[in-house]
Structures are given as structure tokens and as C-alpha cells.
PDB file of N, CA and C in Angstrom:
ATOM      1  N   UNK A   1     151.307 -20.626 -35.346  1.00  0.00           N
ATOM      2  CA  UNK A   1     150.884 -22.021 -34.753  1.00  0.00           C
ATOM      3  C   UNK A   1     150.333 -22.959 -35.606  1.00  0.00           C
ATOM      4  N   UNK A   2     150.579 -24.219 -35.382  1.00  0.00           N
ATOM      5  CA  UNK A   2     150.017 -25.167 -36.266  1.00  0.00           C
ATOM      6  C   UNK A   2     148.560 -25.539 -35.716  1.00  0.00           C
ATOM      7  N   UNK A   3     147.756 -26.232 -36.467  1.00  0.00           N
ATOM      8  CA  UNK A   3     146.437 -26.479 -36.086  1.00  0.00           C
ATOM      9  C   UNK A   3     146.309 -27.280 -34.784  1.00  0.00           C
ATOM     10  N   UNK A   4     147.129 -28.311 -34.572  1.00  0.00           N
ATOM     11  CA  UNK A   4     147.165 -29.046 -33.342  1.00  0.00           C
ATOM     12  C   UNK A   4     147.323 -28.266 -32.264  1.00  0.00           C
ATOM     13  N   UNK A   5     148.392 -27.183 -32.366  1.00  0.00           N
ATOM     14  CA  UNK A   5     148.665 -26.526 -31.163  1.00  0.00           C
ATOM     15  C   UNK A   5     147.512 -25.447 -30.816  1.00  0.00           C
ATOM     16  N   UNK A   6     146.824 -24.942 -31.827  1.00  0.00           N
ATOM     17  CA  UNK A   6     145.659 -24.153 -31.702  1.00  0.00           C
ATOM     18  C   UNK A   6     144.539 -24.965 -30.950  1.00  0.00           C
ATOM     19  N   UNK A   7     144.405 -26.056 -31.422  1.00  0.00           N
ATOM     20  CA  UNK A   7     143.192 -26.957 -30.899  1.00  0.00           C
ATOM     21  C   UNK A   7     143.520 -27.370 -29.401  1.00  0.00           C
ATOM     22  N   UNK A   8     144.710 -27.686 -29.072  1.00  0.00           N
ATOM     23  CA  UNK A   8     145.151 -27.930 -27.784  1.00  0.00           C
ATOM     24  C   UNK A   8     145.018 -26.867 -26.882  1.00  0.00           C
ATOM     25  N   UNK A   9     145.318 -25.579 -27.389  1.00  0.00           N
ATOM     26  CA  UNK A   9     145.076 -24.365 -26.447  1.00  0.00           C
ATOM     27  C   UNK A   9     143.723 -24.027 -26.165  1.00  0.00           C
ATOM     28  N   UNK A  10     142.847 -24.264 -27.343  1.00  0.00           N
ATOM     29  CA  UNK A  10     141.451 -23.927 -27.110  1.00  0.00           C
ATOM     30  C   UNK A  10     140.749 -24.961 -26.147  1.00  0.00           C
ATOM     31  N   UNK A  11     140.971 -26.351 -26.337  1.00  0.00           N
ATOM     32  CA  UNK A  11     140.539 -27.245 -25.325  1.00  0.00           C
ATOM     33  C   UNK A  11     141.045 -27.045 -23.983  1.00  0.00           C
ATOM     34  N   UNK A  12     142.207 -26.606 -23.715  1.00  0.00           N
ATOM     35  CA  UNK A  12     142.828 -26.349 -22.372  1.00  0.00           C
ATOM     36  C   UNK A  12     141.935 -25.120 -21.795  1.00  0.00           C
ATOM     37  N   UNK A  13     141.687 -24.187 -22.599  1.00  0.00           N
ATOM     38  CA  UNK A  13     141.056 -22.995 -22.108  1.00  0.00           C
ATOM     39  C   UNK A  13     139.461 -23.312 -21.752  1.00  0.00           C
ATOM     40  N   UNK A  14     138.950 -24.187 -22.539  1.00  0.00           N
ATOM     41  CA  UNK A  14     137.513 -24.627 -22.204  1.00  0.00           C
ATOM     42  C   UNK A  14     137.579 -25.396 -20.928  1.00  0.00           C
ATOM     43  N   UNK A  15     138.511 -26.273 -20.527  1.00  0.00           N
ATOM     44  CA  UNK A  15     138.516 -27.094 -19.509  1.00  0.00           C
ATOM     45  C   UNK A  15     138.899 -26.411 -18.290  1.00  0.00           C
ATOM     46  N   UNK A  16     139.525 -25.413 -18.464  1.00  0.00           N
ATOM     47  CA  UNK A  16     139.930 -24.471 -17.287  1.00  0.00           C
ATOM     48  C   UNK A  16     138.714 -24.070 -16.341  1.00  0.00           C
ATOM     49  N   UNK A  17     138.969 -24.590 -15.147  1.00  0.00           N
ATOM     50  CA  UNK A  17     137.822 -24.133 -14.107  1.00  0.00           C
ATOM     51  C   UNK A  17     138.281 -23.210 -13.192  1.00  0.00           C
ATOM     52  N   UNK A  18     139.433 -22.529 -13.462  1.00  0.00           N
ATOM     53  CA  UNK A  18     139.740 -21.399 -12.682  1.00  0.00           C
ATOM     54  C   UNK A  18     139.083 -20.213 -12.805  1.00  0.00           C
ATOM     55  N   UNK A  19     138.360 -20.027 -13.860  1.00  0.00           N
ATOM     56  CA  UNK A  19     137.532 -18.740 -14.209  1.00  0.00           C
ATOM     57  C   UNK A  19     136.419 -18.458 -13.300  1.00  0.00           C
ATOM     58  N   UNK A  20     135.639 -17.319 -13.653  1.00  0.00           N
ATOM     59  CA  UNK A  20     134.682 -16.932 -12.789  1.00  0.00           C
ATOM     60  C   UNK A  20     133.467 -17.809 -13.139  1.00  0.00           C
ATOM     61  N   UNK A  21     132.640 -18.203 -11.933  1.00  0.00           N
ATOM     62  CA  UNK A  21     131.543 -19.029 -12.056  1.00  0.00           C
ATOM     63  C   UNK A  21     130.182 -18.007 -12.484  1.00  0.00           C
ATOM     64  N   UNK A  22     129.175 -18.441 -12.772  1.00  0.00           N
ATOM     65  CA  UNK A  22     128.083 -17.891 -13.038  1.00  0.00           C
ATOM     66  C   UNK A  22     127.526 -16.754 -12.053  1.00  0.00           C
ATOM     67  N   UNK A  23     127.763 -17.242 -10.715  1.00  0.00           N
ATOM     68  CA  UNK A  23     127.412 -16.517  -9.698  1.00  0.00           C
ATOM     69  C   UNK A  23     128.228 -15.131  -9.540  1.00  0.00           C
ATOM     70  N   UNK A  24     129.661 -15.412  -9.765  1.00  0.00           N
ATOM     71  CA  UNK A  24     130.440 -14.411  -9.729  1.00  0.00           C
ATOM     72  C   UNK A  24     130.184 -13.330 -10.745  1.00  0.00           C
ATOM     73  N   UNK A  25     129.791 -13.884 -11.988  1.00  0.00           N
ATOM     74  CA  UNK A  25     129.547 -12.902 -13.145  1.00  0.00           C
ATOM     75  C   UNK A  25     128.281 -12.227 -12.725  1.00  0.00           C
ATOM     76  N   UNK A  26     127.306 -12.772 -12.028  1.00  0.00           N
ATOM     77  CA  UNK A  26     125.915 -12.120 -11.692  1.00  0.00           C
ATOM     78  C   UNK A  26     126.230 -11.039 -10.575  1.00  0.00           C
ATOM     79  N   UNK A  27     127.107 -11.356  -9.719  1.00  0.00           N
ATOM     80  CA  UNK A  27     127.636 -10.398  -8.724  1.00  0.00           C
ATOM     81  C   UNK A  27     128.250  -9.003  -9.489  1.00  0.00           C
ATOM     82  N   UNK A  28     129.262  -9.469 -10.260  1.00  0.00           N
ATOM     83  CA  UNK A  28     129.890  -8.239 -10.903  1.00  0.00           C
ATOM     84  C   UNK A  28     128.993  -7.575 -11.836  1.00  0.00           C
ATOM     85  N   UNK A  29     128.003  -8.273 -12.473  1.00  0.00           N
ATOM     86  CA  UNK A  29     127.059  -7.463 -13.175  1.00  0.00           C
ATOM     87  C   UNK A  29     126.033  -6.541 -12.378  1.00  0.00           C
ATOM     88  N   UNK A  30     125.793  -7.093 -11.140  1.00  0.00           N
ATOM     89  CA  UNK A  30     125.013  -6.290 -10.314  1.00  0.00           C
ATOM     90  C   UNK A  30     125.814  -4.972  -9.839  1.00  0.00           C
ATOM     91  N   UNK A  31     127.063  -5.148  -9.433  1.00  0.00           N
ATOM     92  CA  UNK A  31     127.863  -4.037  -9.161  1.00  0.00           C
ATOM     93  C   UNK A  31     127.870  -3.109 -10.221  1.00  0.00           C
ATOM     94  N   UNK A  32     128.131  -3.420 -11.364  1.00  0.00           N
ATOM     95  CA  UNK A  32     128.279  -2.430 -12.354  1.00  0.00           C
ATOM     96  C   UNK A  32     127.016  -1.781 -12.627  1.00  0.00           C
ATOM     97  N   UNK A  33     125.878  -2.479 -12.542  1.00  0.00           N
ATOM     98  CA  UNK A  33     124.678  -1.858 -12.679  1.00  0.00           C
ATOM     99  C   UNK A  33     124.372  -0.874 -11.507  1.00  0.00           C
ATOM    100  N   UNK A  34     124.751  -1.214 -10.382  1.00  0.00           N
ATOM    101  CA  UNK A  34     124.411  -0.162  -9.237  1.00  0.00           C
ATOM    102  C   UNK A  34     125.402   1.229  -9.530  1.00  0.00           C
ATOM    103  N   UNK A  35     126.627   0.833 -10.050  1.00  0.00           N
ATOM    104  CA  UNK A  35     127.537   1.989 -10.330  1.00  0.00           C
ATOM    105  C   UNK A  35     126.964   2.936 -11.298  1.00  0.00           C
ATOM    106  N   UNK A  36     126.158   2.269 -12.400  1.00  0.00           N
ATOM    107  CA  UNK A  36     125.732   3.089 -13.544  1.00  0.00           C
ATOM    108  C   UNK A  36     124.461   3.918 -12.974  1.00  0.00           C
ATOM    109  N   UNK A  37     123.654   3.109 -12.123  1.00  0.00           N
ATOM    110  CA  UNK A  37     122.408   3.832 -11.646  1.00  0.00           C
ATOM    111  C   UNK A  37     122.862   4.884 -10.720  1.00  0.00           C
ATOM    112  N   UNK A  38     123.875   4.789  -9.856  1.00  0.00           N
ATOM    113  CA  UNK A  38     124.313   5.811  -9.111  1.00  0.00           C
ATOM    114  C   UNK A  38     124.856   7.007  -9.876  1.00  0.00           C
ATOM    115  N   UNK A  39     125.647   6.657 -10.913  1.00  0.00           N
ATOM    116  CA  UNK A  39     126.130   7.744 -11.738  1.00  0.00           C
ATOM    117  C   UNK A  39     125.013   8.621 -12.523  1.00  0.00           C
ATOM    118  N   UNK A  40     123.948   7.787 -12.910  1.00  0.00           N
ATOM    119  CA  UNK A  40     122.708   8.503 -13.568  1.00  0.00           C
ATOM    120  C   UNK A  40     122.199   9.286 -12.501  1.00  0.00           C
ATOM    121  N   UNK A  41     121.941   8.851 -11.257  1.00  0.00           N
ATOM    122  CA  UNK A  41     121.170   9.539 -10.194  1.00  0.00           C
ATOM    123  C   UNK A  41     121.873  10.836  -9.850  1.00  0.00           C
ATOM    124  N   UNK A  42     123.307  10.576  -9.675  1.00  0.00           N
ATOM    125  CA  UNK A  42     124.169  11.839  -9.331  1.00  0.00           C
ATOM    126  C   UNK A  42     124.161  12.889 -10.345  1.00  0.00           C
ATOM    127  N   UNK A  43     124.168  12.439 -11.629  1.00  0.00           N
ATOM    128  CA  UNK A  43     124.446  13.467 -12.684  1.00  0.00           C
ATOM    129  C   UNK A  43     123.165  13.917 -13.310  1.00  0.00           C
ATOM    130  N   UNK A  44     122.009  13.178 -13.056  1.00  0.00           N
ATOM    131  CA  UNK A  44     120.847  13.468 -13.715  1.00  0.00           C
ATOM    132  C   UNK A  44     120.309  14.983 -13.615  1.00  0.00           C
ATOM    133  N   UNK A  45     120.317  15.402 -12.418  1.00  0.00           N
ATOM    134  CA  UNK A  45     119.774  16.854 -12.277  1.00  0.00           C
ATOM    135  C   UNK A  45     120.606  17.744 -12.987  1.00  0.00           C
ATOM    136  N   UNK A  46     121.949  17.551 -12.976  1.00  0.00           N
ATOM    137  CA  UNK A  46     122.792  18.557 -13.704  1.00  0.00           C
ATOM    138  C   UNK A  46     122.708  18.430 -15.130  1.00  0.00           C
ATOM    139  N   UNK A  47     122.503  17.266 -15.575  1.00  0.00           N
ATOM    140  CA  UNK A  47     122.298  16.979 -17.008  1.00  0.00           C
ATOM    141  C   UNK A  47     121.060  17.640 -17.372  1.00  0.00           C
ATOM    142  N   UNK A  48     119.957  17.381 -16.665  1.00  0.00           N
ATOM    143  CA  UNK A  48     118.646  17.810 -16.894  1.00  0.00           C
ATOM    144  C   UNK A  48     118.707  19.460 -17.124  1.00  0.00           C
ATOM    145  N   UNK A  49     119.440  20.045 -16.133  1.00  0.00           N
ATOM    146  CA  UNK A  49     119.510  21.512 -16.164  1.00  0.00           C
ATOM    147  C   UNK A  49     120.133  22.043 -17.440  1.00  0.00           C
ATOM    148  N   UNK A  50     121.262  21.354 -17.786  1.00  0.00           N
ATOM    149  CA  UNK A  50     122.022  21.661 -19.006  1.00  0.00           C
ATOM    150  C   UNK A  50     121.144  21.545 -20.319  1.00  0.00           C
ATOM    151  N   UNK A  51     120.503  20.466 -20.281  1.00  0.00           N
ATOM    152  CA  UNK A  51     119.478  20.217 -21.556  1.00  0.00           C
ATOM    153  C   UNK A  51     118.327  21.291 -21.541  1.00  0.00           C
ATOM    154  N   UNK A  52     117.800  21.715 -20.433  1.00  0.00           N
ATOM    155  CA  UNK A  52     116.865  22.835 -20.305  1.00  0.00           C
ATOM    156  C   UNK A  52     117.577  24.104 -20.738  1.00  0.00           C
ATOM    157  N   UNK A  53     118.755  24.399 -20.415  1.00  0.00           N
ATOM    158  CA  UNK A  53     119.458  25.583 -20.748  1.00  0.00           C
ATOM    159  C   UNK A  53     119.699  25.484 -22.399  1.00  0.00           C
ATOM    160  N   UNK A  54     120.076  24.363 -22.850  1.00  0.00           N
ATOM    161  CA  UNK A  54     120.319  24.231 -24.344  1.00  0.00           C
ATOM    162  C   UNK A  54     118.998  24.432 -25.042  1.00  0.00           C
ATOM    163  N   UNK A  55     117.912  23.924 -24.448  1.00  0.00           N
ATOM    164  CA  UNK A  55     116.760  24.211 -25.102  1.00  0.00           C
ATOM    165  C   UNK A  55     116.254  25.630 -25.130  1.00  0.00           C
ATOM    166  N   UNK A  56     116.553  26.329 -24.001  1.00  0.00           N
ATOM    167  CA  UNK A  56     116.082  27.793 -23.870  1.00  0.00           C
ATOM    168  C   UNK A  56     117.105  28.594 -24.975  1.00  0.00           C
ATOM    169  N   UNK A  57     118.337  28.196 -24.934  1.00  0.00           N
ATOM    170  CA  UNK A  57     119.229  28.837 -26.049  1.00  0.00           C
ATOM    171  C   UNK A  57     118.593  28.614 -27.489  1.00  0.00           C
ATOM    172  N   UNK A  58     118.186  27.413 -27.803  1.00  0.00           N
ATOM    173  CA  UNK A  58     117.663  27.252 -29.142  1.00  0.00           C
ATOM    174  C   UNK A  58     116.357  27.980 -29.353  1.00  0.00           C
ATOM    175  N   UNK A  59     115.578  28.251 -28.399  1.00  0.00           N
ATOM    176  CA  UNK A  59     114.455  29.068 -28.484  1.00  0.00           C
ATOM    177  C   UNK A  59     114.668  30.527 -28.554  1.00  0.00           C
ATOM    178  N   UNK A  60     115.936  30.881 -28.191  1.00  0.00           N
ATOM    179  CA  UNK A  60     116.307  32.350 -28.143  1.00  0.00           C
ATOM    180  C   UNK A  60     116.587  33.018 -26.828  1.00  0.00           C
ATOM    181  N   UNK A  61     116.052  32.191 -25.838  1.00  0.00           N
ATOM    182  CA  UNK A  61     116.122  32.771 -24.409  1.00  0.00           C
ATOM    183  C   UNK A  61     117.688  32.825 -24.003  1.00  0.00           C
ATOM    184  N   UNK A  62     117.922  33.539 -22.862  1.00  0.00           N
ATOM    185  CA  UNK A  62     119.381  33.651 -22.257  1.00  0.00           C
ATOM    186  C   UNK A  62     119.275  32.765 -20.911  1.00  0.00           C
ATOM    187  N   UNK A  63     119.998  31.716 -21.095  1.00  0.00           N
ATOM    188  CA  UNK A  63     120.168  30.975 -19.818  1.00  0.00           C
ATOM    189  C   UNK A  63     121.548  31.027 -19.234  1.00  0.00           C
ATOM    190  N   UNK A  64     122.660  31.730 -19.995  1.00  0.00           N
ATOM    191  CA  UNK A  64     123.866  31.893 -19.527  1.00  0.00           C
ATOM    192  C   UNK A  64     123.900  32.663 -18.126  1.00  0.00           C
ATOM    193  N   UNK A  65     123.183  33.449 -17.788  1.00  0.00           N
ATOM    194  CA  UNK A  65     123.099  34.127 -16.425  1.00  0.00           C
ATOM    195  C   UNK A  65     122.682  33.280 -15.338  1.00  0.00           C
ATOM    196  N   UNK A  66     121.682  32.461 -15.774  1.00  0.00           N
ATOM    197  CA  UNK A  66     121.115  31.595 -14.636  1.00  0.00           C
ATOM    198  C   UNK A  66     122.092  30.530 -14.411  1.00  0.00           C
ATOM    199  N   UNK A  67     122.799  30.051 -15.490  1.00  0.00           N
ATOM    200  CA  UNK A  67     123.755  28.984 -15.225  1.00  0.00           C
ATOM    201  C   UNK A  67     125.004  29.357 -14.593  1.00  0.00           C
ATOM    202  N   UNK A  68     125.374  30.625 -14.867  1.00  0.00           N
ATOM    203  CA  UNK A  68     126.521  31.210 -14.160  1.00  0.00           C
ATOM    204  C   UNK A  68     126.311  31.387 -12.676  1.00  0.00           C
ATOM    205  N   UNK A  69     125.041  31.768 -12.411  1.00  0.00           N
ATOM    206  CA  UNK A  69     124.775  32.081 -11.000  1.00  0.00           C
ATOM    207  C   UNK A  69     124.564  30.733 -10.236  1.00  0.00           C
ATOM    208  N   UNK A  70     124.338  29.628 -10.772  1.00  0.00           N
ATOM    209  CA  UNK A  70     124.095  28.302 -10.040  1.00  0.00           C
ATOM    210  C   UNK A  70     125.232  27.788  -9.571  1.00  0.00           C
TER     211      UNK A  70
END
């Protein structure tokens, strides 16, 4: 593309008002935040258990039997 065509495309993109408004971005960001929080809350206990098991394994304790029974 020549410089004039690039400039025209950029100006057209900047003036385009069909995109999301700031309110829509805020709503979308809030929904993403809620999804991340829900995922952390759902997986948090399981991840904590696995980290404890890993720490026990590093210390030389056996956590395989407890994890298999759960």
C-alpha cells in the first residue's frame, strides 16, 4: 500500500463509531473478572490440596495414598 492509502485506512478506523463504547468495555471486563474469580474459587481447594501433597512429597512424606483415596 502506498502511504496515502494507509493514512486513509487509519483515519477511517479512528472515525468509526461502530466499535465498543467504554461502558461496553467495562461490562466485558467485569464479566471476565467474574469468570476468573469463579474459576479460582472452584479450583482453589483442589490446587491447594495438590500443593500440600507436593510439599509433603518434597519433605519425604507419602501423600499418594491420601490423594488416591480422595
